[in-house]
PDB file of N, CA and C in Angstrom:
ATOM      1  N   MET A   1      88.566 154.606 140.164  1.00  0.00           N
ATOM      2  CA  MET A   1      88.725 153.220 139.748  1.00  0.00           C
ATOM      3  C   MET A   1      88.524 153.122 138.236  1.00  0.00           C
ATOM      4  N   THR A   2      89.396 152.376 137.574  1.00  0.00           N
ATOM      5  CA  THR A   2      89.290 152.224 136.126  1.00  0.00           C
ATOM      6  C   THR A   2      88.875 150.806 135.793  1.00  0.00           C
ATOM      7  N   ASP A   3      88.182 150.693 134.694  1.00  0.00           N
ATOM      8  CA  ASP A   3      87.786 149.367 134.221  1.00  0.00           C
ATOM      9  C   ASP A   3      88.912 148.804 133.383  1.00  0.00           C
ATOM     10  N   ALA A   4      89.516 147.755 133.839  1.00  0.00           N
ATOM     11  CA  ALA A   4      90.574 147.100 133.070  1.00  0.00           C
ATOM     12  C   ALA A   4      89.948 146.024 132.201  1.00  0.00           C
ATOM     13  N   ALA A   5      90.506 145.850 131.024  1.00  0.00           N
ATOM     14  CA  ALA A   5      90.028 144.779 130.145  1.00  0.00           C
ATOM     15  C   ALA A   5      90.307 143.440 130.812  1.00  0.00           C
ATOM     16  N   PRO A   6      89.373 142.508 130.703  1.00  0.00           N
ATOM     17  CA  PRO A   6      89.602 141.203 131.333  1.00  0.00           C
ATOM     18  C   PRO A   6      90.799 140.501 130.689  1.00  0.00           C
ATOM     19  N   LYS A   7      91.531 139.807 131.512  1.00  0.00           N
ATOM     20  CA  LYS A   7      92.653 139.017 131.002  1.00  0.00           C
ATOM     21  C   LYS A   7      92.090 137.752 130.373  1.00  0.00           C
ATOM     22  N   LEU A   8      92.486 137.498 129.164  1.00  0.00           N
ATOM     23  CA  LEU A   8      92.062 136.293 128.473  1.00  0.00           C
ATOM     24  C   LEU A   8      93.207 135.298 128.499  1.00  0.00           C
ATOM     25  N   ARG A   9      92.861 134.056 128.748  1.00  0.00           N
ATOM     26  CA  ARG A   9      93.870 133.008 128.859  1.00  0.00           C
ATOM     27  C   ARG A   9      93.664 131.990 127.749  1.00  0.00           C
ATOM     28  N   GLY A  10      94.730 131.711 127.038  1.00  0.00           N
ATOM     29  CA  GLY A  10      94.689 130.716 125.984  1.00  0.00           C
ATOM     30  C   GLY A  10      95.549 129.519 126.361  1.00  0.00           C
ATOM     31  N   PHE A  11      95.208 128.375 125.817  1.00  0.00           N
ATOM     32  CA  PHE A  11      95.966 127.144 126.032  1.00  0.00           C
ATOM     33  C   PHE A  11      96.513 126.709 124.687  1.00  0.00           C
ATOM     34  N   LEU A  12      97.806 126.485 124.626  1.00  0.00           N
ATOM     35  CA  LEU A  12      98.481 126.091 123.396  1.00  0.00           C
ATOM     36  C   LEU A  12      98.845 124.613 123.478  1.00  0.00           C
ATOM     37  N   SER A  13      98.236 123.824 122.624  1.00  0.00           N
ATOM     38  CA  SER A  13      98.464 122.380 122.603  1.00  0.00           C
ATOM     39  C   SER A  13      99.268 122.017 121.363  1.00  0.00           C
ATOM     40  N   TYR A  14     100.379 121.318 121.580  1.00  0.00           N
ATOM     41  CA  TYR A  14     101.246 120.943 120.463  1.00  0.00           C
ATOM     42  C   TYR A  14     102.056 119.710 120.850  1.00  0.00           C
ATOM     43  N   ALA A  15     102.553 119.023 119.850  1.00  0.00           N
ATOM     44  CA  ALA A  15     103.468 117.905 120.080  1.00  0.00           C
ATOM     45  C   ALA A  15     104.878 118.468 120.244  1.00  0.00           C
ATOM     46  N   HIS A  16     105.609 117.971 121.196  1.00  0.00           N
ATOM     47  CA  HIS A  16     106.958 118.489 121.444  1.00  0.00           C
ATOM     48  C   HIS A  16     107.862 118.382 120.224  1.00  0.00           C
ATOM     49  N   ALA A  17     107.613 117.434 119.369  1.00  0.00           N
ATOM     50  CA  ALA A  17     108.417 117.308 118.147  1.00  0.00           C
ATOM     51  C   ALA A  17     108.246 118.516 117.225  1.00  0.00           C
ATOM     52  N   ASP A  18     107.196 119.295 117.439  1.00  0.00           N
ATOM     53  CA  ASP A  18     106.897 120.453 116.595  1.00  0.00           C
ATOM     54  C   ASP A  18     107.275 121.778 117.255  1.00  0.00           C
ATOM     55  N   HIS A  19     108.163 121.737 118.241  1.00  0.00           N
ATOM     56  CA  HIS A  19     108.455 122.941 119.016  1.00  0.00           C
ATOM     57  C   HIS A  19     108.984 124.091 118.162  1.00  0.00           C
ATOM     58  N   LYS A  20     109.741 123.827 117.117  1.00  0.00           N
ATOM     59  CA  LYS A  20     110.253 124.919 116.280  1.00  0.00           C
ATOM     60  C   LYS A  20     109.112 125.643 115.566  1.00  0.00           C
ATOM     61  N   MET A  21     108.171 124.879 115.046  1.00  0.00           N
ATOM     62  CA  MET A  21     107.017 125.471 114.382  1.00  0.00           C
ATOM     63  C   MET A  21     106.186 126.264 115.386  1.00  0.00           C
ATOM     64  N   VAL A  22     106.035 125.756 116.591  1.00  0.00           N
ATOM     65  CA  VAL A  22     105.246 126.428 117.619  1.00  0.00           C
ATOM     66  C   VAL A  22     105.923 127.727 118.061  1.00  0.00           C
ATOM     67  N   ASP A  23     107.246 127.739 118.128  1.00  0.00           N
ATOM     68  CA  ASP A  23     107.952 128.972 118.459  1.00  0.00           C
ATOM     69  C   ASP A  23     107.616 130.064 117.449  1.00  0.00           C
ATOM     70  N   GLU A  24     107.601 129.705 116.190  1.00  0.00           N
ATOM     71  CA  GLU A  24     107.269 130.657 115.138  1.00  0.00           C
ATOM     72  C   GLU A  24     105.804 131.080 115.230  1.00  0.00           C
ATOM     73  N   MET A  25     104.929 130.123 115.492  1.00  0.00           N
ATOM     74  CA  MET A  25     103.504 130.420 115.615  1.00  0.00           C
ATOM     75  C   MET A  25     103.256 131.351 116.800  1.00  0.00           C
ATOM     76  N   ARG A  26     103.978 131.142 117.901  1.00  0.00           N
ATOM     77  CA  ARG A  26     103.823 131.984 119.083  1.00  0.00           C
ATOM     78  C   ARG A  26     104.149 133.444 118.744  1.00  0.00           C
ATOM     79  N   ASP A  27     105.144 133.655 117.911  1.00  0.00           N
ATOM     80  CA  ASP A  27     105.473 135.015 117.482  1.00  0.00           C
ATOM     81  C   ASP A  27     104.283 135.660 116.765  1.00  0.00           C
ATOM     82  N   HIS A  28     103.606 134.899 115.940  1.00  0.00           N
ATOM     83  CA  HIS A  28     102.444 135.414 115.219  1.00  0.00           C
ATOM     84  C   HIS A  28     101.272 135.680 116.164  1.00  0.00           C
ATOM     85  N   LEU A  29     101.145 134.869 117.208  1.00  0.00           N
ATOM     86  CA  LEU A  29     100.056 135.041 118.169  1.00  0.00           C
ATOM     87  C   LEU A  29     100.306 136.225 119.103  1.00  0.00           C
ATOM     88  N   GLY A  30     101.520 136.743 119.100  1.00  0.00           N
ATOM     89  CA  GLY A  30     101.864 137.851 119.978  1.00  0.00           C
ATOM     90  C   GLY A  30     100.977 139.069 119.787  1.00  0.00           C
ATOM     91  N   CYS A  31     100.496 139.292 118.584  1.00  0.00           N
ATOM     92  CA  CYS A  31      99.625 140.444 118.346  1.00  0.00           C
ATOM     93  C   CYS A  31      98.323 140.324 119.137  1.00  0.00           C
ATOM     94  N   LEU A  32      97.869 139.100 119.398  1.00  0.00           N
ATOM     95  CA  LEU A  32      96.644 138.913 120.174  1.00  0.00           C
ATOM     96  C   LEU A  32      96.838 139.358 121.622  1.00  0.00           C
ATOM     97  N   SER A  33      98.027 139.154 122.115  1.00  0.00           N
ATOM     98  CA  SER A  33      98.336 139.606 123.467  1.00  0.00           C
ATOM     99  C   SER A  33      98.257 141.123 123.532  1.00  0.00           C
ATOM    100  N   TYR A  34      98.829 141.769 122.568  1.00  0.00           N
ATOM    101  CA  TYR A  34      98.840 143.232 122.531  1.00  0.00           C
ATOM    102  C   TYR A  34      97.431 143.791 122.335  1.00  0.00           C
ATOM    103  N   GLU A  35      96.694 143.259 121.395  1.00  0.00           N
ATOM    104  CA  GLU A  35      95.376 143.799 121.048  1.00  0.00           C
ATOM    105  C   GLU A  35      94.284 143.437 122.045  1.00  0.00           C
ATOM    106  N   PHE A  36      94.334 142.213 122.589  1.00  0.00           N
ATOM    107  CA  PHE A  36      93.217 141.725 123.394  1.00  0.00           C
ATOM    108  C   PHE A  36      93.607 141.295 124.812  1.00  0.00           C
ATOM    109  N   GLY A  37      94.854 141.421 125.166  1.00  0.00           N
ATOM    110  CA  GLY A  37      95.285 140.988 126.493  1.00  0.00           C
ATOM    111  C   GLY A  37      95.295 139.477 126.646  1.00  0.00           C
ATOM    112  N   LEU A  38      95.374 138.768 125.526  1.00  0.00           N
ATOM    113  CA  LEU A  38      95.359 137.302 125.540  1.00  0.00           C
ATOM    114  C   LEU A  38      96.764 136.768 125.764  1.00  0.00           C
ATOM    115  N   THR A  39      96.912 135.934 126.763  1.00  0.00           N
ATOM    116  CA  THR A  39      98.187 135.269 127.006  1.00  0.00           C
ATOM    117  C   THR A  39      97.991 133.771 126.833  1.00  0.00           C
ATOM    118  N   PHE A  40      99.000 133.133 126.275  1.00  0.00           N
ATOM    119  CA  PHE A  40      98.926 131.694 126.047  1.00  0.00           C
ATOM    120  C   PHE A  40      99.797 130.952 127.045  1.00  0.00           C
ATOM    121  N   TRP A  41      99.256 129.869 127.558  1.00  0.00           N
ATOM    122  CA  TRP A  41      99.999 128.995 128.448  1.00  0.00           C
ATOM    123  C   TRP A  41     100.369 127.751 127.655  1.00  0.00           C
ATOM    124  N   GLU A  42     101.548 127.239 127.922  1.00  0.00           N
ATOM    125  CA  GLU A  42     101.977 125.975 127.323  1.00  0.00           C
ATOM    126  C   GLU A  42     102.791 125.216 128.353  1.00  0.00           C
ATOM    127  N   ASP A  43     102.992 123.954 128.112  1.00  0.00           N
ATOM    128  CA  ASP A  43     103.618 123.121 129.138  1.00  0.00           C
ATOM    129  C   ASP A  43     105.083 123.440 129.395  1.00  0.00           C
ATOM    130  N   ARG A  44     105.671 124.295 128.596  1.00  0.00           N
ATOM    131  CA  ARG A  44     107.038 124.734 128.901  1.00  0.00           C
ATOM    132  C   ARG A  44     107.072 125.609 130.152  1.00  0.00           C
ATOM    133  N   SER A  45     105.900 126.014 130.608  1.00  0.00           N
ATOM    134  CA  SER A  45     105.802 126.833 131.817  1.00  0.00           C
ATOM    135  C   SER A  45     105.818 125.991 133.090  1.00  0.00           C
ATOM    136  N   ILE A  46     105.828 124.683 132.945  1.00  0.00           N
ATOM    137  CA  ILE A  46     105.879 123.799 134.108  1.00  0.00           C
ATOM    138  C   ILE A  46     107.313 123.750 134.616  1.00  0.00           C
ATOM    139  N   HIS A  47     107.466 123.881 135.914  1.00  0.00           N
ATOM    140  CA  HIS A  47     108.788 123.896 136.537  1.00  0.00           C
ATOM    141  C   HIS A  47     109.002 122.636 137.370  1.00  0.00           C
ATOM    142  N   GLY A  48     110.262 122.334 137.629  1.00  0.00           N
ATOM    143  CA  GLY A  48     110.589 121.201 138.477  1.00  0.00           C
ATOM    144  C   GLY A  48     109.880 121.319 139.817  1.00  0.00           C
ATOM    145  N   GLY A  49     109.302 120.245 140.261  1.00  0.00           N
ATOM    146  CA  GLY A  49     108.572 120.246 141.518  1.00  0.00           C
ATOM    147  C   GLY A  49     107.086 120.519 141.362  1.00  0.00           C
ATOM    148  N   ASP A  50     106.669 121.039 140.199  1.00  0.00           N
ATOM    149  CA  ASP A  50     105.236 121.258 139.962  1.00  0.00           C
ATOM    150  C   ASP A  50     104.522 119.919 139.864  1.00  0.00           C
ATOM    151  N   LEU A  51     103.306 119.890 140.315  1.00  0.00           N
ATOM    152  CA  LEU A  51     102.454 118.726 140.085  1.00  0.00           C
ATOM    153  C   LEU A  51     101.869 118.913 138.687  1.00  0.00           C
ATOM    154  N   TRP A  52     102.611 118.416 137.694  1.00  0.00           N
ATOM    155  CA  TRP A  52     102.348 118.799 136.313  1.00  0.00           C
ATOM    156  C   TRP A  52     100.987 118.369 135.791  1.00  0.00           C
ATOM    157  N   LYS A  53     100.476 117.215 136.191  1.00  0.00           N
ATOM    158  CA  LYS A  53      99.153 116.815 135.684  1.00  0.00           C
ATOM    159  C   LYS A  53      98.068 117.729 136.240  1.00  0.00           C
ATOM    160  N   ALA A  54      98.191 118.081 137.515  1.00  0.00           N
ATOM    161  CA  ALA A  54      97.224 119.002 138.121  1.00  0.00           C
ATOM    162  C   ALA A  54      97.333 120.376 137.484  1.00  0.00           C
ATOM    163  N   ARG A  55      98.539 120.823 137.245  1.00  0.00           N
ATOM    164  CA  ARG A  55      98.755 122.136 136.617  1.00  0.00           C
ATOM    165  C   ARG A  55      98.174 122.160 135.210  1.00  0.00           C
ATOM    166  N   LEU A  56      98.396 121.093 134.462  1.00  0.00           N
ATOM    167  CA  LEU A  56      97.849 120.989 133.113  1.00  0.00           C
ATOM    168  C   LEU A  56      96.322 121.059 133.151  1.00  0.00           C
ATOM    169  N   ALA A  57      95.706 120.300 134.042  1.00  0.00           N
ATOM    170  CA  ALA A  57      94.244 120.303 134.163  1.00  0.00           C
ATOM    171  C   ALA A  57      93.731 121.682 134.556  1.00  0.00           C
ATOM    172  N   ASP A  58      94.412 122.356 135.478  1.00  0.00           N
ATOM    173  CA  ASP A  58      94.004 123.710 135.890  1.00  0.00           C
ATOM    174  C   ASP A  58      94.067 124.685 134.731  1.00  0.00           C
ATOM    175  N   GLU A  59      95.133 124.592 133.949  1.00  0.00           N
ATOM    176  CA  GLU A  59      95.291 125.519 132.826  1.00  0.00           C
ATOM    177  C   GLU A  59      94.240 125.269 131.747  1.00  0.00           C
ATOM    178  N   ILE A  60      93.915 124.028 131.494  1.00  0.00           N
ATOM    179  CA  ILE A  60      92.856 123.712 130.519  1.00  0.00           C
ATOM    180  C   ILE A  60      91.521 124.240 131.022  1.00  0.00           C
ATOM    181  N   ASP A  61      91.234 124.013 132.305  1.00  0.00           N
ATOM    182  CA  ASP A  61      89.961 124.467 132.875  1.00  0.00           C
ATOM    183  C   ASP A  61      89.813 125.982 132.877  1.00  0.00           C
ATOM    184  N   SER A  62      90.915 126.710 133.028  1.00  0.00           N
ATOM    185  CA  SER A  62      90.822 128.166 133.134  1.00  0.00           C
ATOM    186  C   SER A  62      90.998 128.887 131.795  1.00  0.00           C
ATOM    187  N   ALA A  63      91.242 128.147 130.733  1.00  0.00           N
ATOM    188  CA  ALA A  63      91.462 128.775 129.422  1.00  0.00           C
ATOM    189  C   ALA A  63      90.156 129.293 128.824  1.00  0.00           C
ATOM    190  N   ASN A  64      90.250 130.456 128.179  1.00  0.00           N
ATOM    191  CA  ASN A  64      89.128 131.023 127.442  1.00  0.00           C
ATOM    192  C   ASN A  64      89.112 130.563 125.995  1.00  0.00           C
ATOM    193  N   CYS A  65      90.284 130.185 125.484  1.00  0.00           N
ATOM    194  CA  CYS A  65      90.377 129.717 124.110  1.00  0.00           C
ATOM    195  C   CYS A  65      91.543 128.731 123.994  1.00  0.00           C
ATOM    196  N   PHE A  66      91.530 127.988 122.918  1.00  0.00           N
ATOM    197  CA  PHE A  66      92.535 126.959 122.694  1.00  0.00           C
ATOM    198  C   PHE A  66      93.097 127.112 121.286  1.00  0.00           C
ATOM    199  N   VAL A  67      94.386 126.923 121.179  1.00  0.00           N
ATOM    200  CA  VAL A  67      95.031 126.844 119.873  1.00  0.00           C
ATOM    201  C   VAL A  67      95.663 125.466 119.810  1.00  0.00           C
ATOM    202  N   LEU A  68      95.269 124.707 118.817  1.00  0.00           N
ATOM    203  CA  LEU A  68      95.785 123.359 118.622  1.00  0.00           C
ATOM    204  C   LEU A  68      96.690 123.371 117.398  1.00  0.00           C
ATOM    205  N   ALA A  69      97.942 123.050 117.607  1.00  0.00           N
ATOM    206  CA  ALA A  69      98.891 122.965 116.497  1.00  0.00           C
ATOM    207  C   ALA A  69      98.800 121.547 115.940  1.00  0.00           C
ATOM    208  N   ILE A  70      97.828 121.342 115.076  1.00  0.00           N
ATOM    209  CA  ILE A  70      97.518 119.990 114.593  1.00  0.00           C
ATOM    210  C   ILE A  70      98.468 119.612 113.461  1.00  0.00           C
ATOM    211  N   THR A  71      99.305 118.647 113.747  1.00  0.00           N
ATOM    212  CA  THR A  71     100.248 118.087 112.784  1.00  0.00           C
ATOM    213  C   THR A  71     100.156 116.570 112.895  1.00  0.00           C
ATOM    214  N   HIS A  72     100.906 115.871 112.076  1.00  0.00           N
ATOM    215  CA  HIS A  72     100.906 114.407 112.199  1.00  0.00           C
ATOM    216  C   HIS A  72     101.466 113.993 113.558  1.00  0.00           C
ATOM    217  N   ASN A  73     102.399 114.754 114.107  1.00  0.00           N
ATOM    218  CA  ASN A  73     102.923 114.450 115.443  1.00  0.00           C
ATOM    219  C   ASN A  73     101.857 114.635 116.509  1.00  0.00           C
ATOM    220  N   TRP A  74     101.073 115.710 116.399  1.00  0.00           N
ATOM    221  CA  TRP A  74     100.002 115.981 117.358  1.00  0.00           C
ATOM    222  C   TRP A  74      98.946 114.882 117.290  1.00  0.00           C
ATOM    223  N   LEU A  75      98.548 114.521 116.064  1.00  0.00           N
ATOM    224  CA  LEU A  75      97.540 113.471 115.892  1.00  0.00           C
ATOM    225  C   LEU A  75      98.022 112.118 116.408  1.00  0.00           C
ATOM    226  N   GLY A  76      99.311 111.889 116.333  1.00  0.00           N
ATOM    227  CA  GLY A  76      99.863 110.607 116.766  1.00  0.00           C
ATOM    228  C   GLY A  76     100.225 110.553 118.235  1.00  0.00           C
ATOM    229  N   SER A  77     100.024 111.630 118.972  1.00  0.00           N
ATOM    230  CA  SER A  77     100.414 111.670 120.378  1.00  0.00           C
ATOM    231  C   SER A  77      99.381 111.007 121.281  1.00  0.00           C
ATOM    232  N   LYS A  78      99.764 109.934 121.903  1.00  0.00           N
ATOM    233  CA  LYS A  78      98.885 109.235 122.849  1.00  0.00           C
ATOM    234  C   LYS A  78      98.561 110.152 124.040  1.00  0.00           C
ATOM    235  N   PHE A  79      99.552 110.903 124.507  1.00  0.00           N
ATOM    236  CA  PHE A  79      99.338 111.806 125.631  1.00  0.00           C
ATOM    237  C   PHE A  79      98.285 112.861 125.302  1.00  0.00           C
ATOM    238  N   ILE A  80      98.367 113.450 124.138  1.00  0.00           N
ATOM    239  CA  ILE A  80      97.387 114.466 123.754  1.00  0.00           C
ATOM    240  C   ILE A  80      96.006 113.848 123.636  1.00  0.00           C
ATOM    241  N   ARG A  81      95.907 112.704 123.006  1.00  0.00           N
ATOM    242  CA  ARG A  81      94.608 112.031 122.867  1.00  0.00           C
ATOM    243  C   ARG A  81      94.001 111.680 124.208  1.00  0.00           C
ATOM    244  N   GLU A  82      94.800 111.147 125.113  1.00  0.00           N
ATOM    245  CA  GLU A  82      94.244 110.602 126.356  1.00  0.00           C
ATOM    246  C   GLU A  82      94.226 111.583 127.514  1.00  0.00           C
ATOM    247  N   THR A  83      95.094 112.584 127.492  1.00  0.00           N
ATOM    248  CA  THR A  83      95.189 113.490 128.637  1.00  0.00           C
ATOM    249  C   THR A  83      94.687 114.888 128.333  1.00  0.00           C
ATOM    250  N   GLU A  84      95.199 115.484 127.251  1.00  0.00           N
ATOM    251  CA  GLU A  84      94.765 116.827 126.918  1.00  0.00           C
ATOM    252  C   GLU A  84      93.394 116.788 126.276  1.00  0.00           C
TER     253      GLU A  84
END
């Protein structure tokens, strides 16, 4: 039996208006996945038929770390303020 490194889960919070910037940022965060086994979840992983609010809450609860893409769009998001 081998000891595997624990899987680390990250939560990526961003305003949808900033998706292009987040795509670029995700590329930079890729090294963390390679070095530390850290994977980031974001709401683009929600599929049709998912209970999205429950899924969002589960992902926040199970995250080991958070990356917040804080922009004027993020700060102005009522959903982020009240839900995330």
